[in-house]
C-alpha atoms as a PDB file:
ATOM      1  CA  MET A   1     -11.368 -51.996 -10.378  1.00  0.00           C
ATOM      2  CA  LYS A   2     -13.685 -54.785 -11.098  1.00  0.00           C
ATOM      3  CA  THR A   3     -17.421 -54.834 -12.251  1.00  0.00           C
ATOM      4  CA  PRO A   4     -19.935 -57.197 -10.876  1.00  0.00           C
ATOM      5  CA  GLN A   5     -19.799 -58.977 -14.480  1.00  0.00           C
ATOM      6  CA  GLY A   6     -16.102 -59.744 -13.780  1.00  0.00           C
ATOM      7  CA  PHE A   7     -14.802 -57.348 -16.397  1.00  0.00           C
ATOM      8  CA  GLU A   8     -12.519 -54.377 -15.402  1.00  0.00           C
ATOM      9  CA  ARG A   9     -12.964 -50.652 -15.708  1.00  0.00           C
ATOM     10  CA  PRO A  10     -10.122 -48.609 -17.261  1.00  0.00           C
ATOM     11  CA  ALA A  11      -7.669 -46.923 -15.115  1.00  0.00           C
ATOM     12  CA  PRO A  12      -6.765 -43.348 -15.618  1.00  0.00           C
ATOM     13  CA  ALA A  13      -4.395 -42.752 -18.673  1.00  0.00           C
ATOM     14  CA  LEU A  14      -0.761 -42.564 -17.759  1.00  0.00           C
ATOM     15  CA  LEU A  15      -0.292 -39.883 -20.512  1.00  0.00           C
ATOM     16  CA  GLU A  16      -2.677 -37.153 -19.567  1.00  0.00           C
ATOM     17  CA  TRP A  17      -2.213 -35.296 -22.887  1.00  0.00           C
ATOM     18  CA  ALA A  18      -3.255 -38.169 -25.022  1.00  0.00           C
ATOM     19  CA  PRO A  19      -6.389 -37.358 -26.984  1.00  0.00           C
ATOM     20  CA  ARG A  20      -9.347 -39.885 -26.722  1.00  0.00           C
ATOM     21  CA  ILE A  21      -9.652 -42.033 -29.882  1.00  0.00           C
ATOM     22  CA  GLN A  22     -13.252 -42.246 -30.778  1.00  0.00           C
ATOM     23  CA  GLY A  23     -15.252 -44.961 -32.352  1.00  0.00           C
ATOM     24  CA  PRO A  24     -15.526 -48.746 -32.023  1.00  0.00           C
ATOM     25  CA  ARG A  25     -12.181 -50.648 -32.360  1.00  0.00           C
ATOM     26  CA  LEU A  26     -10.599 -53.811 -30.985  1.00  0.00           C
ATOM     27  CA  VAL A  27      -7.183 -53.613 -29.336  1.00  0.00           C
ATOM     28  CA  VAL A  28      -5.608 -56.978 -28.110  1.00  0.00           C
ATOM     29  CA  ILE A  29      -2.817 -56.987 -25.708  1.00  0.00           C
ATOM     30  CA  GLY A  30      -1.201 -60.512 -25.884  1.00  0.00           C
ATOM     31  CA  GLY A  31       1.829 -61.826 -24.523  1.00  0.00           C
ATOM     32  CA  LEU A  32       3.312 -64.551 -21.890  1.00  0.00           C
ATOM     33  CA  SER A  33       2.424 -64.137 -18.310  1.00  0.00           C
ATOM     34  CA  GLY A  34       4.364 -61.506 -16.698  1.00  0.00           C
ATOM     35  CA  THR A  35       4.774 -59.225 -19.775  1.00  0.00           C
ATOM     36  CA  GLY A  36       2.501 -56.471 -18.337  1.00  0.00           C
ATOM     37  CA  LYS A  37      -0.645 -56.975 -20.290  1.00  0.00           C
ATOM     38  CA  THR A  38      -3.073 -55.842 -17.723  1.00  0.00           C
ATOM     39  CA  THR A  39      -1.211 -52.748 -16.950  1.00  0.00           C
ATOM     40  CA  GLN A  40      -1.203 -51.667 -20.618  1.00  0.00           C
ATOM     41  CA  ALA A  41      -4.823 -52.489 -21.270  1.00  0.00           C
ATOM     42  CA  LEU A  42      -6.166 -50.609 -18.252  1.00  0.00           C
ATOM     43  CA  LEU A  43      -4.009 -47.654 -19.079  1.00  0.00           C
ATOM     44  CA  LEU A  44      -5.020 -47.841 -22.761  1.00  0.00           C
ATOM     45  CA  ALA A  45      -8.806 -48.292 -22.222  1.00  0.00           C
ATOM     46  CA  SER A  46      -9.433 -45.012 -20.622  1.00  0.00           C
ATOM     47  CA  LEU A  47      -8.409 -43.307 -24.110  1.00  0.00           C
ATOM     48  CA  LEU A  48     -10.457 -45.344 -26.299  1.00  0.00           C
ATOM     49  CA  GLY A  49     -14.175 -45.000 -27.484  1.00  0.00           C
ATOM     50  CA  LYS A  50     -17.081 -43.676 -25.502  1.00  0.00           C
ATOM     51  CA  ALA A  51     -16.575 -42.246 -21.834  1.00  0.00           C
ATOM     52  CA  PRO A  52     -15.670 -43.647 -19.428  1.00  0.00           C
ATOM     53  CA  GLY A  53     -13.537 -45.779 -21.898  1.00  0.00           C
ATOM     54  CA  ALA A  54     -13.277 -49.067 -23.553  1.00  0.00           C
ATOM     55  CA  MET A  55     -14.643 -52.182 -22.142  1.00  0.00           C
ATOM     56  CA  VAL A  56     -11.734 -54.610 -21.027  1.00  0.00           C
ATOM     57  CA  LEU A  57     -12.061 -58.166 -21.317  1.00  0.00           C
ATOM     58  CA  ARG A  58      -9.235 -59.995 -19.216  1.00  0.00           C
ATOM     59  CA  SER A  59      -9.050 -63.602 -19.739  1.00  0.00           C
ATOM     60  CA  ASP A  60      -8.149 -64.421 -16.043  1.00  0.00           C
ATOM     61  CA  ILE A  61     -11.345 -62.736 -15.043  1.00  0.00           C
ATOM     62  CA  VAL A  62     -13.547 -64.331 -17.464  1.00  0.00           C
ATOM     63  CA  ARG A  63     -11.994 -67.715 -16.676  1.00  0.00           C
ATOM     64  CA  LYS A  64     -12.830 -67.256 -12.936  1.00  0.00           C
ATOM     65  CA  ARG A  65     -16.285 -66.197 -13.788  1.00  0.00           C
ATOM     66  CA  LEU A  66     -16.843 -68.964 -15.957  1.00  0.00           C
ATOM     67  CA  SER A  67     -15.710 -71.371 -13.279  1.00  0.00           C
ATOM     68  CA  GLY A  68     -18.054 -69.625 -10.660  1.00  0.00           C
ATOM     69  CA  VAL A  69     -15.354 -68.590  -8.318  1.00  0.00           C
ATOM     70  CA  GLU A  70     -14.169 -64.976  -7.140  1.00  0.00           C
ATOM     71  CA  PRO A  71     -11.390 -63.534  -9.175  1.00  0.00           C
ATOM     72  CA  THR A  72      -8.630 -64.129  -6.583  1.00  0.00           C
ATOM     73  CA  VAL A  73      -9.621 -67.764  -5.993  1.00  0.00           C
ATOM     74  CA  ARG A  74      -7.079 -70.071  -7.410  1.00  0.00           C
ATOM     75  CA  LEU A  75      -8.161 -72.697  -9.958  1.00  0.00           C
ATOM     76  CA  GLY A  76      -6.757 -76.065 -10.140  1.00  0.00           C
ATOM     77  CA  ALA A  77      -6.004 -77.909 -13.245  1.00  0.00           C
ATOM     78  CA  GLU A  78      -9.584 -78.430 -14.109  1.00  0.00           C
ATOM     79  CA  GLY A  79      -9.678 -74.567 -14.761  1.00  0.00           C
ATOM     80  CA  TYR A  80      -7.003 -74.772 -17.482  1.00  0.00           C
ATOM     81  CA  THR A  81      -8.105 -77.653 -19.677  1.00  0.00           C
ATOM     82  CA  GLN A  82      -8.154 -77.161 -23.321  1.00  0.00           C
ATOM     83  CA  GLN A  83     -12.077 -77.158 -23.236  1.00  0.00           C
ATOM     84  CA  MET A  84     -12.074 -74.417 -20.592  1.00  0.00           C
ATOM     85  CA  THR A  85      -9.595 -72.265 -22.403  1.00  0.00           C
ATOM     86  CA  ALA A  86     -11.738 -72.678 -25.476  1.00  0.00           C
ATOM     87  CA  ARG A  87     -14.696 -71.584 -23.452  1.00  0.00           C
ATOM     88  CA  VAL A  88     -12.959 -68.595 -22.234  1.00  0.00           C
ATOM     89  CA  TYR A  89     -11.810 -67.296 -25.606  1.00  0.00           C
ATOM     90  CA  ASN A  90     -15.163 -67.950 -27.175  1.00  0.00           C
ATOM     91  CA  ALA A  91     -16.876 -65.777 -24.533  1.00  0.00           C
ATOM     92  CA  ILE A  92     -14.429 -63.132 -24.793  1.00  0.00           C
ATOM     93  CA  THR A  93     -14.809 -63.107 -28.573  1.00  0.00           C
ATOM     94  CA  GLY A  94     -18.513 -62.819 -28.547  1.00  0.00           C
ATOM     95  CA  VAL A  95     -18.626 -60.126 -25.941  1.00  0.00           C
ATOM     96  CA  ALA A  96     -16.160 -58.218 -27.849  1.00  0.00           C
ATOM     97  CA  GLU A  97     -18.008 -58.610 -31.120  1.00  0.00           C
ATOM     98  CA  ARG A  98     -21.350 -57.547 -29.554  1.00  0.00           C
ATOM     99  CA  THR A  99     -19.726 -54.592 -27.876  1.00  0.00           C
ATOM    100  CA  LEU A 100     -18.073 -53.487 -31.099  1.00  0.00           C
ATOM    101  CA  ARG A 101     -21.286 -53.819 -32.958  1.00  0.00           C
ATOM    102  CA  SER A 102     -22.992 -51.487 -30.190  1.00  0.00           C
ATOM    103  CA  GLY A 103     -20.467 -48.758 -31.054  1.00  0.00           C
ATOM    104  CA  GLN A 104     -18.006 -49.132 -28.155  1.00  0.00           C
ATOM    105  CA  ALA A 105     -14.345 -49.859 -28.180  1.00  0.00           C
ATOM    106  CA  VAL A 106     -12.915 -53.037 -26.630  1.00  0.00           C
ATOM    107  CA  VAL A 107      -9.533 -54.084 -25.123  1.00  0.00           C
ATOM    108  CA  ILE A 108      -8.695 -57.663 -24.684  1.00  0.00           C
ATOM    109  CA  ASP A 109      -5.987 -58.792 -22.218  1.00  0.00           C
ATOM    110  CA  ALA A 110      -5.127 -62.359 -23.032  1.00  0.00           C
ATOM    111  CA  VAL A 111      -2.116 -64.526 -23.453  1.00  0.00           C
ATOM    112  CA  ALA A 112      -3.292 -65.432 -26.856  1.00  0.00           C
ATOM    113  CA  ALA A 113      -0.262 -67.742 -27.544  1.00  0.00           C
ATOM    114  CA  ARG A 114      -2.047 -69.901 -30.248  1.00  0.00           C
ATOM    115  CA  ALA A 115      -2.300 -68.626 -33.797  1.00  0.00           C
ATOM    116  CA  GLU A 116      -5.920 -69.628 -33.913  1.00  0.00           C
ATOM    117  CA  GLU A 117      -6.792 -67.470 -30.784  1.00  0.00           C
ATOM    118  CA  ARG A 118      -5.211 -64.525 -32.359  1.00  0.00           C
ATOM    119  CA  ALA A 119      -7.057 -64.992 -35.536  1.00  0.00           C
ATOM    120  CA  GLY A 120     -10.387 -65.421 -33.852  1.00  0.00           C
ATOM    121  CA  PHE A 121     -10.019 -61.872 -32.241  1.00  0.00           C
ATOM    122  CA  GLU A 122      -9.001 -60.551 -35.691  1.00  0.00           C
ATOM    123  CA  ALA A 123     -12.068 -62.132 -37.389  1.00  0.00           C
ATOM    124  CA  ALA A 124     -14.457 -60.747 -34.776  1.00  0.00           C
ATOM    125  CA  ALA A 125     -13.406 -57.164 -35.504  1.00  0.00           C
ATOM    126  CA  ALA A 126     -13.633 -57.872 -39.150  1.00  0.00           C
ATOM    127  CA  ARG A 127     -17.249 -59.202 -38.721  1.00  0.00           C
ATOM    128  CA  ALA A 128     -17.957 -56.079 -36.648  1.00  0.00           C
ATOM    129  CA  GLY A 129     -16.565 -53.802 -39.296  1.00  0.00           C
ATOM    130  CA  ALA A 130     -14.307 -52.418 -36.506  1.00  0.00           C
ATOM    131  CA  PRO A 131     -10.372 -51.325 -36.826  1.00  0.00           C
ATOM    132  CA  PHE A 132      -8.206 -54.020 -35.197  1.00  0.00           C
ATOM    133  CA  LEU A 133      -4.690 -53.604 -33.366  1.00  0.00           C
ATOM    134  CA  GLY A 134      -2.866 -56.555 -32.233  1.00  0.00           C
ATOM    135  CA  ILE A 135      -0.076 -56.041 -29.668  1.00  0.00           C
ATOM    136  CA  TRP A 136       2.243 -58.875 -28.543  1.00  0.00           C
ATOM    137  CA  LEU A 137       4.440 -57.944 -25.522  1.00  0.00           C
ATOM    138  CA  SER A 138       7.790 -59.552 -24.985  1.00  0.00           C
ATOM    139  CA  ALA A 139      10.028 -59.602 -22.020  1.00  0.00           C
ATOM    140  CA  PRO A 140      12.979 -61.695 -20.789  1.00  0.00           C
ATOM    141  CA  LEU A 141      12.298 -64.973 -18.680  1.00  0.00           C
ATOM    142  CA  LYS A 142      14.144 -63.491 -15.539  1.00  0.00           C
ATOM    143  CA  LEU A 143      12.054 -60.346 -15.590  1.00  0.00           C
ATOM    144  CA  ARG A 144       8.665 -62.165 -16.035  1.00  0.00           C
ATOM    145  CA  LEU A 145       9.488 -64.484 -13.249  1.00  0.00           C
ATOM    146  CA  ARG A 146      10.253 -61.595 -11.093  1.00  0.00           C
ATOM    147  CA  ARG A 147       7.000 -59.721 -11.899  1.00  0.00           C
ATOM    148  CA  VAL A 148       4.879 -62.904 -11.420  1.00  0.00           C
ATOM    149  CA  THR A 149       6.368 -63.956  -8.082  1.00  0.00           C
ATOM    150  CA  ALA A 150       5.663 -60.444  -6.864  1.00  0.00           C
ATOM    151  CA  ARG A 151       2.088 -60.316  -7.442  1.00  0.00           C
ATOM    152  CA  ARG A 152      -0.437 -60.470  -4.379  1.00  0.00           C
ATOM    153  CA  GLY A 153      -4.107 -60.878  -4.555  1.00  0.00           C
ATOM    154  CA  ASP A 154      -4.354 -60.802  -8.473  1.00  0.00           C
ATOM    155  CA  ALA A 155      -6.709 -62.744 -10.728  1.00  0.00           C
ATOM    156  CA  SER A 156      -4.017 -64.378 -12.532  1.00  0.00           C
ATOM    157  CA  ASP A 157      -3.060 -68.000 -11.285  1.00  0.00           C
ATOM    158  CA  ALA A 158       0.417 -67.876 -13.289  1.00  0.00           C
ATOM    159  CA  ASP A 159       3.295 -68.664 -10.877  1.00  0.00           C
ATOM    160  CA  ALA A 160       7.008 -69.548 -11.590  1.00  0.00           C
ATOM    161  CA  SER A 161       6.126 -72.847 -12.851  1.00  0.00           C
ATOM    162  CA  VAL A 162       3.600 -71.499 -15.362  1.00  0.00           C
ATOM    163  CA  VAL A 163       6.121 -69.038 -16.662  1.00  0.00           C
ATOM    164  CA  GLN A 164       8.758 -71.646 -17.009  1.00  0.00           C
ATOM    165  CA  ALA A 165       6.228 -73.951 -18.949  1.00  0.00           C
ATOM    166  CA  GLN A 166       5.351 -71.215 -21.281  1.00  0.00           C
ATOM    167  CA  GLU A 167       8.825 -71.165 -22.445  1.00  0.00           C
ATOM    168  CA  THR A 168       8.038 -74.250 -24.427  1.00  0.00           C
ATOM    169  CA  PHE A 169       4.929 -72.658 -26.114  1.00  0.00           C
ATOM    170  CA  ASP A 170       4.892 -72.790 -29.927  1.00  0.00           C
ATOM    171  CA  ILE A 171       3.698 -69.220 -30.615  1.00  0.00           C
ATOM    172  CA  GLY A 172       3.725 -69.687 -34.320  1.00  0.00           C
ATOM    173  CA  PRO A 173       4.051 -66.655 -36.764  1.00  0.00           C
ATOM    174  CA  LEU A 174       3.350 -63.365 -35.211  1.00  0.00           C
ATOM    175  CA  THR A 175       1.634 -60.707 -37.600  1.00  0.00           C
ATOM    176  CA  TRP A 176       1.025 -58.293 -34.592  1.00  0.00           C
ATOM    177  CA  ARG A 177       3.189 -55.536 -33.542  1.00  0.00           C
ATOM    178  CA  VAL A 178       5.797 -56.834 -31.122  1.00  0.00           C
ATOM    179  CA  LEU A 179       6.959 -54.467 -28.396  1.00  0.00           C
ATOM    180  CA  ASP A 180       9.806 -54.789 -25.723  1.00  0.00           C
ATOM    181  CA  ALA A 181       7.750 -55.129 -22.260  1.00  0.00           C
ATOM    182  CA  ALA A 182      11.087 -54.958 -20.428  1.00  0.00           C
ATOM    183  CA  GLN A 183      10.756 -51.138 -21.009  1.00  0.00           C
ATOM    184  CA  ALA A 184       9.316 -48.690 -18.516  1.00  0.00           C
ATOM    185  CA  PRO A 185       5.426 -49.153 -18.776  1.00  0.00           C
ATOM    186  CA  GLU A 186       5.056 -45.449 -20.004  1.00  0.00           C
ATOM    187  CA  TYR A 187       7.281 -46.241 -22.734  1.00  0.00           C
ATOM    188  CA  VAL A 188       5.234 -49.220 -23.845  1.00  0.00           C
ATOM    189  CA  HIS A 189       2.034 -47.292 -23.475  1.00  0.00           C
ATOM    190  CA  GLY A 190       3.331 -44.560 -25.584  1.00  0.00           C
ATOM    191  CA  GLU A 191       4.345 -46.873 -28.493  1.00  0.00           C
ATOM    192  CA  ILE A 192       0.752 -48.531 -28.321  1.00  0.00           C
ATOM    193  CA  LEU A 193      -0.660 -45.008 -28.444  1.00  0.00           C
ATOM    194  CA  ALA A 194       1.449 -43.998 -31.408  1.00  0.00           C
ATOM    195  CA  ASP A 195       0.242 -46.676 -33.417  1.00  0.00           C
ATOM    196  CA  LEU A 196      -3.384 -45.983 -32.699  1.00  0.00           C
ATOM    197  CA  LEU A 197      -3.035 -42.391 -33.421  1.00  0.00           C
ATOM    198  CA  ALA A 198      -1.096 -43.117 -36.767  1.00  0.00           C
ATOM    199  CA  SER A 199      -3.946 -45.487 -37.785  1.00  0.00           C
ATOM    200  CA  GLN A 200      -6.164 -42.357 -37.236  1.00  0.00           C
ATOM    201  CA  ALA A 201      -4.188 -40.105 -39.587  1.00  0.00           C
END
């Protein structure tokens, strides 16, 4: 469910028994298109921070907002230039840092394929004095293609050609936790939650 600002509200937690994890913290769910980032971000957000849950910043939604269009309007190449992508990530980082400083948790849903993009998110958490957890979702090409082509009415403009093109990306060194997103969503959710609970111990 989308807010007027173009951000998204958290969905109900899949694991009903999970305790709320209090305090400001930044969790970033990264990964190529079709790995299930948005599903995991929305499931997780309801368990973090103050009720009703963490702010979710989805790069697809922010890109559409900065382009002045509704979330489901497809953008052309002009919406995916390096300059526009830099604007998107700068906007997300700025809102995330301000939100963390206000005492609320943040979940970012973005591909974050570049090492500098990932480092920028980590730096924002550090400046705000908030704990950080980076999750990288990985899934086979065939599964990602199937998921992306099945989408309807979604904010993401990724299609089969985008998924294929992402195979050539140089992701660089990954320091984040890598999870197998070919597993069932509840399994992936449980793995992320376990990491967060372990950091609380």
